[in-house]
């Protein structure tokens, strides 16, 4: 599944996720496609369970990136993308990764009881 676009796979049943994707949809360029993993899914994806655990983005080159990296890459497709790149700063990155991992784990457990 290679495409000329990056594809961001998100949990459309999560209100916070949906809210972020609505904002991203308004700001993004054409080189990013947003895909709700509960809708029609392209073939060749990881299991839905895997996609539900953390944010996944498949680059236009076919590479998979997840979590903070997926967030930064997706938001880089907007006019405010530079702000999101601040998450890559050396002192910020480890904290951002821990916070995202804790939030994603808790969200998954609360929504899906696993």
PDB file of N, CA and C in Angstrom:
ATOM      1  N   UNK A   1       0.839  -1.169   0.000  1.00  0.00           N
ATOM      2  CA  UNK A   1       0.000   0.000   0.000  1.00  0.00           C
ATOM      3  C   UNK A   1       0.887   1.236   0.000  1.00  0.00           C
ATOM      4  N   UNK A   2       1.444   1.590  -1.118  1.00  0.00           N
ATOM      5  CA  UNK A   2       2.172   2.848  -1.200  1.00  0.00           C
ATOM      6  C   UNK A   2       1.264   3.869  -1.865  1.00  0.00           C
ATOM      7  N   UNK A   3       1.453   5.098  -1.522  1.00  0.00           N
ATOM      8  CA  UNK A   3       0.590   6.173  -1.970  1.00  0.00           C
ATOM      9  C   UNK A   3       1.452   7.418  -2.112  1.00  0.00           C
ATOM     10  N   UNK A   4       0.939   8.411  -2.798  1.00  0.00           N
ATOM     11  CA  UNK A   4       1.655   9.681  -2.877  1.00  0.00           C
ATOM     12  C   UNK A   4       1.375  10.533  -1.641  1.00  0.00           C
ATOM     13  N   UNK A   5       0.591   9.998  -0.708  1.00  0.00           N
ATOM     14  CA  UNK A   5       0.237  10.709   0.516  1.00  0.00           C
ATOM     15  C   UNK A   5       0.681   9.925   1.739  1.00  0.00           C
ATOM     16  N   UNK A   6       0.947  10.654   2.820  1.00  0.00           N
ATOM     17  CA  UNK A   6       1.053  10.015   4.123  1.00  0.00           C
ATOM     18  C   UNK A   6      -0.370   9.682   4.558  1.00  0.00           C
ATOM     19  N   UNK A   7      -0.517   8.574   5.280  1.00  0.00           N
ATOM     20  CA  UNK A   7      -1.842   8.171   5.768  1.00  0.00           C
ATOM     21  C   UNK A   7      -1.789   7.996   7.279  1.00  0.00           C
ATOM     22  N   UNK A   8      -2.614   8.763   7.971  1.00  0.00           N
ATOM     23  CA  UNK A   8      -2.675   8.709   9.424  1.00  0.00           C
ATOM     24  C   UNK A   8      -3.905   7.905   9.829  1.00  0.00           C
ATOM     25  N   UNK A   9      -3.687   6.859  10.608  1.00  0.00           N
ATOM     26  CA  UNK A   9      -4.758   5.968  11.052  1.00  0.00           C
ATOM     27  C   UNK A   9      -5.088   6.296  12.500  1.00  0.00           C
ATOM     28  N   UNK A  10      -6.356   6.613  12.764  1.00  0.00           N
ATOM     29  CA  UNK A  10      -6.749   7.061  14.098  1.00  0.00           C
ATOM     30  C   UNK A  10      -8.039   6.375  14.546  1.00  0.00           C
ATOM     31  N   UNK A  11      -8.293   6.440  15.850  1.00  0.00           N
ATOM     32  CA  UNK A  11      -9.482   5.845  16.459  1.00  0.00           C
ATOM     33  C   UNK A  11     -10.621   6.855  16.411  1.00  0.00           C
ATOM     34  N   UNK A  12     -11.505   6.707  15.451  1.00  0.00           N
ATOM     35  CA  UNK A  12     -12.625   7.623  15.281  1.00  0.00           C
ATOM     36  C   UNK A  12     -13.698   7.492  16.342  1.00  0.00           C
ATOM     37  N   UNK A  13     -13.600   6.495  17.219  1.00  0.00           N
ATOM     38  CA  UNK A  13     -14.559   6.350  18.314  1.00  0.00           C
ATOM     39  C   UNK A  13     -14.074   7.037  19.589  1.00  0.00           C
ATOM     40  N   UNK A  14     -12.883   7.577  19.559  1.00  0.00           N
ATOM     41  CA  UNK A  14     -12.305   8.296  20.704  1.00  0.00           C
ATOM     42  C   UNK A  14     -12.608   9.787  20.522  1.00  0.00           C
ATOM     43  N   UNK A  15     -13.379  10.391  21.436  1.00  0.00           N
ATOM     44  CA  UNK A  15     -13.742  11.804  21.271  1.00  0.00           C
ATOM     45  C   UNK A  15     -12.537  12.750  21.161  1.00  0.00           C
ATOM     46  N   UNK A  16     -11.522  12.556  21.986  1.00  0.00           N
ATOM     47  CA  UNK A  16     -10.349  13.427  21.921  1.00  0.00           C
ATOM     48  C   UNK A  16      -9.599  13.232  20.604  1.00  0.00           C
ATOM     49  N   UNK A  17      -9.465  11.976  20.184  1.00  0.00           N
ATOM     50  CA  UNK A  17      -8.797  11.677  18.905  1.00  0.00           C
ATOM     51  C   UNK A  17      -9.559  12.327  17.750  1.00  0.00           C
ATOM     52  N   UNK A  18     -10.882  12.175  17.774  1.00  0.00           N
ATOM     53  CA  UNK A  18     -11.724  12.737  16.717  1.00  0.00           C
ATOM     54  C   UNK A  18     -11.605  14.258  16.687  1.00  0.00           C
ATOM     55  N   UNK A  19     -11.563  14.871  17.858  1.00  0.00           N
ATOM     56  CA  UNK A  19     -11.432  16.322  17.934  1.00  0.00           C
ATOM     57  C   UNK A  19     -10.113  16.790  17.314  1.00  0.00           C
ATOM     58  N   UNK A  20      -9.028  16.091  17.646  1.00  0.00           N
ATOM     59  CA  UNK A  20      -7.735  16.451  17.058  1.00  0.00           C
ATOM     60  C   UNK A  20      -7.757  16.250  15.546  1.00  0.00           C
ATOM     61  N   UNK A  21      -8.360  15.161  15.084  1.00  0.00           N
ATOM     62  CA  UNK A  21      -8.399  14.887  13.647  1.00  0.00           C
ATOM     63  C   UNK A  21      -9.261  15.904  12.913  1.00  0.00           C
ATOM     64  N   UNK A  22     -10.342  16.378  13.551  1.00  0.00           N
ATOM     65  CA  UNK A  22     -11.163  17.428  12.938  1.00  0.00           C
ATOM     66  C   UNK A  22     -10.336  18.695  12.724  1.00  0.00           C
ATOM     67  N   UNK A  23      -9.534  19.043  13.736  1.00  0.00           N
ATOM     68  CA  UNK A  23      -8.682  20.226  13.606  1.00  0.00           C
ATOM     69  C   UNK A  23      -7.606  19.994  12.546  1.00  0.00           C
ATOM     70  N   UNK A  24      -7.003  18.830  12.578  1.00  0.00           N
ATOM     71  CA  UNK A  24      -5.972  18.496  11.596  1.00  0.00           C
ATOM     72  C   UNK A  24      -6.549  18.522  10.182  1.00  0.00           C
ATOM     73  N   UNK A  25      -7.771  18.021  10.016  1.00  0.00           N
ATOM     74  CA  UNK A  25      -8.415  18.005   8.696  1.00  0.00           C
ATOM     75  C   UNK A  25      -8.597  19.420   8.152  1.00  0.00           C
ATOM     76  N   UNK A  26      -8.900  20.360   9.030  1.00  0.00           N
ATOM     77  CA  UNK A  26      -9.081  21.751   8.590  1.00  0.00           C
ATOM     78  C   UNK A  26      -7.767  22.408   8.186  1.00  0.00           C
ATOM     79  N   UNK A  27      -6.670  21.979   8.794  1.00  0.00           N
ATOM     80  CA  UNK A  27      -5.388  22.656   8.587  1.00  0.00           C
ATOM     81  C   UNK A  27      -4.433  21.955   7.623  1.00  0.00           C
ATOM     82  N   UNK A  28      -4.670  20.694   7.349  1.00  0.00           N
ATOM     83  CA  UNK A  28      -3.696  19.892   6.592  1.00  0.00           C
ATOM     84  C   UNK A  28      -3.658  20.257   5.115  1.00  0.00           C
ATOM     85  N   UNK A  29      -2.534  19.883   4.517  1.00  0.00           N
ATOM     86  CA  UNK A  29      -2.396  19.991   3.063  1.00  0.00           C
ATOM     87  C   UNK A  29      -2.907  18.695   2.433  1.00  0.00           C
ATOM     88  N   UNK A  30      -2.863  18.654   1.127  1.00  0.00           N
ATOM     89  CA  UNK A  30      -3.363  17.491   0.391  1.00  0.00           C
ATOM     90  C   UNK A  30      -2.469  16.258   0.503  1.00  0.00           C
ATOM     91  N   UNK A  31      -1.267  16.413   1.048  1.00  0.00           N
ATOM     92  CA  UNK A  31      -0.341  15.277   1.109  1.00  0.00           C
ATOM     93  C   UNK A  31      -0.545  14.393   2.340  1.00  0.00           C
ATOM     94  N   UNK A  32      -1.644  14.610   3.067  1.00  0.00           N
ATOM     95  CA  UNK A  32      -1.966  13.803   4.241  1.00  0.00           C
ATOM     96  C   UNK A  32      -3.407  13.333   4.152  1.00  0.00           C
ATOM     97  N   UNK A  33      -3.605  12.045   4.346  1.00  0.00           N
ATOM     98  CA  UNK A  33      -4.944  11.455   4.357  1.00  0.00           C
ATOM     99  C   UNK A  33      -5.219  10.923   5.761  1.00  0.00           C
ATOM    100  N   UNK A  34      -6.399  11.234   6.285  1.00  0.00           N
ATOM    101  CA  UNK A  34      -6.797  10.775   7.614  1.00  0.00           C
ATOM    102  C   UNK A  34      -7.756   9.603   7.459  1.00  0.00           C
ATOM    103  N   UNK A  35      -7.468   8.495   8.138  1.00  0.00           N
ATOM    104  CA  UNK A  35      -8.279   7.289   7.986  1.00  0.00           C
ATOM    105  C   UNK A  35      -8.732   6.795   9.356  1.00  0.00           C
ATOM    106  N   UNK A  36     -10.047   6.773   9.550  1.00  0.00           N
ATOM    107  CA  UNK A  36     -10.639   6.215  10.769  1.00  0.00           C
ATOM    108  C   UNK A  36     -10.539   4.699  10.677  1.00  0.00           C
ATOM    109  N   UNK A  37      -9.888   4.076  11.637  1.00  0.00           N
ATOM    110  CA  UNK A  37      -9.669   2.630  11.557  1.00  0.00           C
ATOM    111  C   UNK A  37     -10.948   1.830  11.777  1.00  0.00           C
ATOM    112  N   UNK A  38     -12.042   2.503  12.157  1.00  0.00           N
ATOM    113  CA  UNK A  38     -13.311   1.805  12.314  1.00  0.00           C
ATOM    114  C   UNK A  38     -14.128   1.827  11.028  1.00  0.00           C
ATOM    115  N   UNK A  39     -13.662   2.551  10.032  1.00  0.00           N
ATOM    116  CA  UNK A  39     -14.355   2.618   8.753  1.00  0.00           C
ATOM    117  C   UNK A  39     -13.759   1.618   7.772  1.00  0.00           C
ATOM    118  N   UNK A  40     -13.958   1.883   6.494  1.00  0.00           N
ATOM    119  CA  UNK A  40     -13.351   1.039   5.459  1.00  0.00           C
ATOM    120  C   UNK A  40     -11.841   1.210   5.534  1.00  0.00           C
ATOM    121  N   UNK A  41     -11.165   0.085   5.644  1.00  0.00           N
ATOM    122  CA  UNK A  41      -9.706   0.119   5.791  1.00  0.00           C
ATOM    123  C   UNK A  41      -9.050  -0.438   4.543  1.00  0.00           C
ATOM    124  N   UNK A  42      -7.998   0.228   4.093  1.00  0.00           N
ATOM    125  CA  UNK A  42      -7.245  -0.321   2.958  1.00  0.00           C
ATOM    126  C   UNK A  42      -6.648  -1.677   3.336  1.00  0.00           C
ATOM    127  N   UNK A  43      -6.407  -2.538   2.358  1.00  0.00           N
ATOM    128  CA  UNK A  43      -5.797  -3.843   2.659  1.00  0.00           C
ATOM    129  C   UNK A  43      -4.344  -3.686   3.109  1.00  0.00           C
ATOM    130  N   UNK A  44      -3.843  -4.704   3.783  1.00  0.00           N
ATOM    131  CA  UNK A  44      -2.437  -4.737   4.159  1.00  0.00           C
ATOM    132  C   UNK A  44      -2.082  -3.963   5.412  1.00  0.00           C
ATOM    133  N   UNK A  45      -3.072  -3.653   6.238  1.00  0.00           N
ATOM    134  CA  UNK A  45      -2.801  -2.911   7.469  1.00  0.00           C
ATOM    135  C   UNK A  45      -2.508  -3.859   8.626  1.00  0.00           C
ATOM    136  N   UNK A  46      -1.824  -3.357   9.652  1.00  0.00           N
ATOM    137  CA  UNK A  46      -1.711  -4.151  10.878  1.00  0.00           C
ATOM    138  C   UNK A  46      -3.112  -4.421  11.443  1.00  0.00           C
ATOM    139  N   UNK A  47      -3.192  -5.341  12.378  1.00  0.00           N
ATOM    140  CA  UNK A  47      -4.475  -5.665  13.008  1.00  0.00           C
ATOM    141  C   UNK A  47      -5.089  -4.410  13.634  1.00  0.00           C
ATOM    142  N   UNK A  48      -6.404  -4.339  13.624  1.00  0.00           N
ATOM    143  CA  UNK A  48      -7.110  -3.195  14.214  1.00  0.00           C
ATOM    144  C   UNK A  48      -6.672  -2.986  15.668  1.00  0.00           C
ATOM    145  N   UNK A  49      -6.530  -4.074  16.396  1.00  0.00           N
ATOM    146  CA  UNK A  49      -6.087  -4.018  17.797  1.00  0.00           C
ATOM    147  C   UNK A  49      -4.753  -3.262  17.916  1.00  0.00           C
ATOM    148  N   UNK A  50      -3.845  -3.541  17.031  1.00  0.00           N
ATOM    149  CA  UNK A  50      -2.539  -2.861  17.024  1.00  0.00           C
ATOM    150  C   UNK A  50      -2.709  -1.376  16.734  1.00  0.00           C
ATOM    151  N   UNK A  51      -3.543  -1.054  15.762  1.00  0.00           N
ATOM    152  CA  UNK A  51      -3.762   0.343  15.383  1.00  0.00           C
ATOM    153  C   UNK A  51      -4.451   1.134  16.491  1.00  0.00           C
ATOM    154  N   UNK A  52      -5.239   0.453  17.321  1.00  0.00           N
ATOM    155  CA  UNK A  52      -5.943   1.132  18.405  1.00  0.00           C
ATOM    156  C   UNK A  52      -5.025   1.551  19.549  1.00  0.00           C
ATOM    157  N   UNK A  53      -3.900   0.908  19.680  1.00  0.00           N
ATOM    158  CA  UNK A  53      -3.043   1.147  20.846  1.00  0.00           C
ATOM    159  C   UNK A  53      -2.282   2.458  20.789  1.00  0.00           C
ATOM    160  N   UNK A  54      -1.793   2.842  19.635  1.00  0.00           N
ATOM    161  CA  UNK A  54      -1.094   4.123  19.455  1.00  0.00           C
ATOM    162  C   UNK A  54      -1.384   4.636  18.052  1.00  0.00           C
ATOM    163  N   UNK A  55      -1.176   5.911  17.871  1.00  0.00           N
ATOM    164  CA  UNK A  55      -1.360   6.532  16.566  1.00  0.00           C
ATOM    165  C   UNK A  55      -0.354   5.954  15.580  1.00  0.00           C
ATOM    166  N   UNK A  56      -0.827   5.597  14.388  1.00  0.00           N
ATOM    167  CA  UNK A  56       0.033   5.039  13.336  1.00  0.00           C
ATOM    168  C   UNK A  56      -0.056   5.906  12.089  1.00  0.00           C
ATOM    169  N   UNK A  57       1.087   6.116  11.453  1.00  0.00           N
ATOM    170  CA  UNK A  57       1.130   6.834  10.185  1.00  0.00           C
ATOM    171  C   UNK A  57       1.982   6.032   9.222  1.00  0.00           C
ATOM    172  N   UNK A  58       1.445   5.839   8.026  1.00  0.00           N
ATOM    173  CA  UNK A  58       2.223   5.195   6.966  1.00  0.00           C
ATOM    174  C   UNK A  58       2.646   6.287   5.999  1.00  0.00           C
ATOM    175  N   UNK A  59       3.952   6.428   5.835  1.00  0.00           N
ATOM    176  CA  UNK A  59       4.467   7.493   4.974  1.00  0.00           C
ATOM    177  C   UNK A  59       4.190   7.171   3.508  1.00  0.00           C
ATOM    178  N   UNK A  60       4.369   8.170   2.684  1.00  0.00           N
ATOM    179  CA  UNK A  60       4.170   7.971   1.246  1.00  0.00           C
ATOM    180  C   UNK A  60       5.158   6.958   0.687  1.00  0.00           C
ATOM    181  N   UNK A  61       6.262   6.713   1.400  1.00  0.00           N
ATOM    182  CA  UNK A  61       7.259   5.710   0.995  1.00  0.00           C
ATOM    183  C   UNK A  61       6.952   4.320   1.531  1.00  0.00           C
ATOM    184  N   UNK A  62       5.884   4.192   2.326  1.00  0.00           N
ATOM    185  CA  UNK A  62       5.501   2.890   2.862  1.00  0.00           C
ATOM    186  C   UNK A  62       6.055   2.572   4.239  1.00  0.00           C
ATOM    187  N   UNK A  63       6.794   3.502   4.842  1.00  0.00           N
ATOM    188  CA  UNK A  63       7.355   3.287   6.185  1.00  0.00           C
ATOM    189  C   UNK A  63       6.277   3.556   7.240  1.00  0.00           C
ATOM    190  N   UNK A  64       6.245   2.729   8.290  1.00  0.00           N
ATOM    191  CA  UNK A  64       5.326   2.941   9.410  1.00  0.00           C
ATOM    192  C   UNK A  64       6.032   3.717  10.510  1.00  0.00           C
ATOM    193  N   UNK A  65       5.374   4.756  11.027  1.00  0.00           N
ATOM    194  CA  UNK A  65       5.856   5.451  12.211  1.00  0.00           C
ATOM    195  C   UNK A  65       4.690   5.573  13.190  1.00  0.00           C
ATOM    196  N   UNK A  66       5.004   5.630  14.478  1.00  0.00           N
ATOM    197  CA  UNK A  66       3.953   5.600  15.496  1.00  0.00           C
ATOM    198  C   UNK A  66       4.176   6.662  16.567  1.00  0.00           C
ATOM    199  N   UNK A  67       3.149   6.834  17.387  1.00  0.00           N
ATOM    200  CA  UNK A  67       3.236   7.689  18.565  1.00  0.00           C
ATOM    201  C   UNK A  67       3.591   9.127  18.250  1.00  0.00           C
ATOM    202  N   UNK A  68       4.528   9.668  19.029  1.00  0.00           N
ATOM    203  CA  UNK A  68       4.951  11.067  18.867  1.00  0.00           C
ATOM    204  C   UNK A  68       5.472  11.322  17.457  1.00  0.00           C
ATOM    205  N   UNK A  69       6.216  10.375  16.902  1.00  0.00           N
ATOM    206  CA  UNK A  69       6.736  10.549  15.537  1.00  0.00           C
ATOM    207  C   UNK A  69       5.599  10.702  14.535  1.00  0.00           C
ATOM    208  N   UNK A  70       4.537   9.914  14.701  1.00  0.00           N
ATOM    209  CA  UNK A  70       3.381  10.017  13.804  1.00  0.00           C
ATOM    210  C   UNK A  70       2.690  11.366  13.973  1.00  0.00           C
ATOM    211  N   UNK A  71       2.568  11.814  15.209  1.00  0.00           N
ATOM    212  CA  UNK A  71       1.943  13.105  15.489  1.00  0.00           C
ATOM    213  C   UNK A  71       2.725  14.243  14.839  1.00  0.00           C
ATOM    214  N   UNK A  72       4.031  14.257  15.065  1.00  0.00           N
ATOM    215  CA  UNK A  72       4.875  15.319  14.501  1.00  0.00           C
ATOM    216  C   UNK A  72       4.807  15.298  12.976  1.00  0.00           C
ATOM    217  N   UNK A  73       4.894  14.115  12.381  1.00  0.00           N
ATOM    218  CA  UNK A  73       4.852  14.009  10.914  1.00  0.00           C
ATOM    219  C   UNK A  73       3.511  14.506  10.374  1.00  0.00           C
ATOM    220  N   UNK A  74       2.413  14.108  11.014  1.00  0.00           N
ATOM    221  CA  UNK A  74       1.090  14.533  10.542  1.00  0.00           C
ATOM    222  C   UNK A  74       0.935  16.047  10.640  1.00  0.00           C
ATOM    223  N   UNK A  75       1.280  16.608  11.787  1.00  0.00           N
ATOM    224  CA  UNK A  75       1.128  18.045  11.966  1.00  0.00           C
ATOM    225  C   UNK A  75       2.120  18.839  11.127  1.00  0.00           C
ATOM    226  N   UNK A  76       3.190  18.207  10.678  1.00  0.00           N
ATOM    227  CA  UNK A  76       4.136  18.878   9.778  1.00  0.00           C
ATOM    228  C   UNK A  76       3.492  19.184   8.435  1.00  0.00           C
ATOM    229  N   UNK A  77       2.356  18.553   8.180  1.00  0.00           N
ATOM    230  CA  UNK A  77       1.616  18.778   6.944  1.00  0.00           C
ATOM    231  C   UNK A  77       0.658  19.968   7.070  1.00  0.00           C
ATOM    232  N   UNK A  78       0.865  20.802   8.088  1.00  0.00           N
ATOM    233  CA  UNK A  78       0.015  21.977   8.294  1.00  0.00           C
ATOM    234  C   UNK A  78       0.882  23.223   8.414  1.00  0.00           C
ATOM    235  N   UNK A  79       0.236  24.360   8.417  1.00  0.00           N
ATOM    236  CA  UNK A  79       0.981  25.620   8.554  1.00  0.00           C
ATOM    237  C   UNK A  79       1.494  25.832   9.977  1.00  0.00           C
ATOM    238  N   UNK A  80       1.033  25.038  10.942  1.00  0.00           N
ATOM    239  CA  UNK A  80       1.527  25.142  12.320  1.00  0.00           C
ATOM    240  C   UNK A  80       2.471  23.991  12.664  1.00  0.00           C
ATOM    241  N   UNK A  81       2.936  23.296  11.659  1.00  0.00           N
ATOM    242  CA  UNK A  81       3.792  22.128  11.868  1.00  0.00           C
ATOM    243  C   UNK A  81       5.074  22.410  12.617  1.00  0.00           C
ATOM    244  N   UNK A  82       5.615  23.600  12.441  1.00  0.00           N
ATOM    245  CA  UNK A  82       6.857  23.947  13.133  1.00  0.00           C
ATOM    246  C   UNK A  82       6.727  23.887  14.644  1.00  0.00           C
ATOM    247  N   UNK A  83       5.560  24.235  15.145  1.00  0.00           N
ATOM    248  CA  UNK A  83       5.338  24.169  16.593  1.00  0.00           C
ATOM    249  C   UNK A  83       5.430  22.736  17.101  1.00  0.00           C
ATOM    250  N   UNK A  84       4.907  21.802  16.329  1.00  0.00           N
ATOM    251  CA  UNK A  84       4.914  20.398  16.742  1.00  0.00           C
ATOM    252  C   UNK A  84       6.318  19.816  16.713  1.00  0.00           C
ATOM    253  N   UNK A  85       7.181  20.377  15.872  1.00  0.00           N
ATOM    254  CA  UNK A  85       8.562  19.886  15.818  1.00  0.00           C
ATOM    255  C   UNK A  85       9.316  20.166  17.115  1.00  0.00           C
ATOM    256  N   UNK A  86       8.784  21.078  17.924  1.00  0.00           N
ATOM    257  CA  UNK A  86       9.396  21.341  19.225  1.00  0.00           C
ATOM    258  C   UNK A  86       9.404  20.080  20.096  1.00  0.00           C
ATOM    259  N   UNK A  87       8.491  19.155  19.816  1.00  0.00           N
ATOM    260  CA  UNK A  87       8.463  17.886  20.559  1.00  0.00           C
ATOM    261  C   UNK A  87       9.727  17.068  20.323  1.00  0.00           C
ATOM    262  N   UNK A  88      10.458  17.385  19.269  1.00  0.00           N
ATOM    263  CA  UNK A  88      11.694  16.653  18.968  1.00  0.00           C
ATOM    264  C   UNK A  88      12.925  17.215  19.680  1.00  0.00           C
ATOM    265  N   UNK A  89      12.776  18.312  20.381  1.00  0.00           N
ATOM    266  CA  UNK A  89      13.921  18.886  21.095  1.00  0.00           C
ATOM    267  C   UNK A  89      14.423  17.903  22.148  1.00  0.00           C
ATOM    268  N   UNK A  90      15.743  17.831  22.329  1.00  0.00           N
ATOM    269  CA  UNK A  90      16.323  16.836  23.242  1.00  0.00           C
ATOM    270  C   UNK A  90      15.712  16.807  24.640  1.00  0.00           C
ATOM    271  N   UNK A  91      15.497  17.921  25.288  1.00  0.00           N
ATOM    272  CA  UNK A  91      14.925  17.903  26.635  1.00  0.00           C
ATOM    273  C   UNK A  91      13.437  17.627  26.666  1.00  0.00           C
ATOM    274  N   UNK A  92      12.770  17.919  25.564  1.00  0.00           N
ATOM    275  CA  UNK A  92      11.318  17.772  25.485  1.00  0.00           C
ATOM    276  C   UNK A  92      10.932  16.357  25.056  1.00  0.00           C
ATOM    277  N   UNK A  93      11.694  15.789  24.163  1.00  0.00           N
ATOM    278  CA  UNK A  93      11.355  14.504  23.547  1.00  0.00           C
ATOM    279  C   UNK A  93      11.071  13.383  24.558  1.00  0.00           C
ATOM    280  N   UNK A  94      11.959  13.112  25.516  1.00  0.00           N
ATOM    281  CA  UNK A  94      11.696  12.007  26.448  1.00  0.00           C
ATOM    282  C   UNK A  94      10.425  12.220  27.271  1.00  0.00           C
ATOM    283  N   UNK A  95      10.177  13.458  27.661  1.00  0.00           N
ATOM    284  CA  UNK A  95       8.973  13.765  28.435  1.00  0.00           C
ATOM    285  C   UNK A  95       7.734  13.569  27.568  1.00  0.00           C
ATOM    286  N   UNK A  96       7.778  14.073  26.337  1.00  0.00           N
ATOM    287  CA  UNK A  96       6.648  13.928  25.416  1.00  0.00           C
ATOM    288  C   UNK A  96       6.348  12.458  25.153  1.00  0.00           C
ATOM    289  N   UNK A  97       7.381  11.650  24.961  1.00  0.00           N
ATOM    290  CA  UNK A  97       7.177  10.221  24.713  1.00  0.00           C
ATOM    291  C   UNK A  97       6.541   9.531  25.915  1.00  0.00           C
ATOM    292  N   UNK A  98       7.011   9.849  27.117  1.00  0.00           N
ATOM    293  CA  UNK A  98       6.434   9.238  28.326  1.00  0.00           C
ATOM    294  C   UNK A  98       4.982   9.644  28.507  1.00  0.00           C
ATOM    295  N   UNK A  99       4.700  10.932  28.328  1.00  0.00           N
ATOM    296  CA  UNK A  99       3.325  11.404  28.476  1.00  0.00           C
ATOM    297  C   UNK A  99       2.407  10.771  27.433  1.00  0.00           C
ATOM    298  N   UNK A 100       2.861  10.732  26.178  1.00  0.00           N
ATOM    299  CA  UNK A 100       2.035  10.132  25.133  1.00  0.00           C
ATOM    300  C   UNK A 100       1.808   8.645  25.414  1.00  0.00           C
ATOM    301  N   UNK A 101       2.852   7.925  25.771  1.00  0.00           N
ATOM    302  CA  UNK A 101       2.725   6.488  26.040  1.00  0.00           C
ATOM    303  C   UNK A 101       1.752   6.224  27.181  1.00  0.00           C
ATOM    304  N   UNK A 102       1.857   7.001  28.248  1.00  0.00           N
ATOM    305  CA  UNK A 102       0.953   6.830  29.388  1.00  0.00           C
ATOM    306  C   UNK A 102      -0.482   7.141  28.985  1.00  0.00           C
ATOM    307  N   UNK A 103      -0.671   8.236  28.237  1.00  0.00           N
ATOM    308  CA  UNK A 103      -2.014   8.606  27.798  1.00  0.00           C
ATOM    309  C   UNK A 103      -2.589   7.541  26.866  1.00  0.00           C
ATOM    310  N   UNK A 104      -1.810   7.093  25.898  1.00  0.00           N
ATOM    311  CA  UNK A 104      -2.295   6.101  24.928  1.00  0.00           C
ATOM    312  C   UNK A 104      -2.664   4.796  25.626  1.00  0.00           C
ATOM    313  N   UNK A 105      -1.841   4.363  26.546  1.00  0.00           N
ATOM    314  CA  UNK A 105      -2.118   3.121  27.288  1.00  0.00           C
ATOM    315  C   UNK A 105      -3.417   3.255  28.094  1.00  0.00           C
ATOM    316  N   UNK A 106      -3.551   4.368  28.790  1.00  0.00           N
ATOM    317  CA  UNK A 106      -4.760   4.577  29.599  1.00  0.00           C
ATOM    318  C   UNK A 106      -6.004   4.697  28.719  1.00  0.00           C
ATOM    319  N   UNK A 107      -5.887   5.428  27.624  1.00  0.00           N
ATOM    320  CA  UNK A 107      -7.029   5.585  26.707  1.00  0.00           C
ATOM    321  C   UNK A 107      -7.476   4.227  26.197  1.00  0.00           C
ATOM    322  N   UNK A 108      -6.525   3.410  25.785  1.00  0.00           N
ATOM    323  CA  UNK A 108      -6.840   2.083  25.253  1.00  0.00           C
ATOM    324  C   UNK A 108      -7.509   1.218  26.323  1.00  0.00           C
ATOM    325  N   UNK A 109      -6.959   1.221  27.524  1.00  0.00           N
ATOM    326  CA  UNK A 109      -7.529   0.411  28.608  1.00  0.00           C
ATOM    327  C   UNK A 109      -8.933   0.873  28.970  1.00  0.00           C
ATOM    328  N   UNK A 110      -9.146   2.167  29.037  1.00  0.00           N
ATOM    329  CA  UNK A 110     -10.466   2.691  29.413  1.00  0.00           C
ATOM    330  C   UNK A 110     -11.499   2.466  28.321  1.00  0.00           C
ATOM    331  N   UNK A 111     -11.099   2.632  27.081  1.00  0.00           N
ATOM    332  CA  UNK A 111     -12.072   2.492  25.988  1.00  0.00           C
ATOM    333  C   UNK A 111     -12.352   1.037  25.636  1.00  0.00           C
ATOM    334  N   UNK A 112     -11.336   0.214  25.728  1.00  0.00           N
ATOM    335  CA  UNK A 112     -11.470  -1.156  25.228  1.00  0.00           C
ATOM    336  C   UNK A 112     -11.262  -2.216  26.305  1.00  0.00           C
ATOM    337  N   UNK A 113     -11.006  -1.794  27.538  1.00  0.00           N
ATOM    338  CA  UNK A 113     -10.903  -2.712  28.666  1.00  0.00           C
ATOM    339  C   UNK A 113      -9.811  -3.751  28.546  1.00  0.00           C
ATOM    340  N   UNK A 114      -8.741  -3.406  27.880  1.00  0.00           N
ATOM    341  CA  UNK A 114      -7.647  -4.366  27.691  1.00  0.00           C
ATOM    342  C   UNK A 114      -6.354  -3.790  28.191  1.00  0.00           C
TER     343      UNK A 114
END
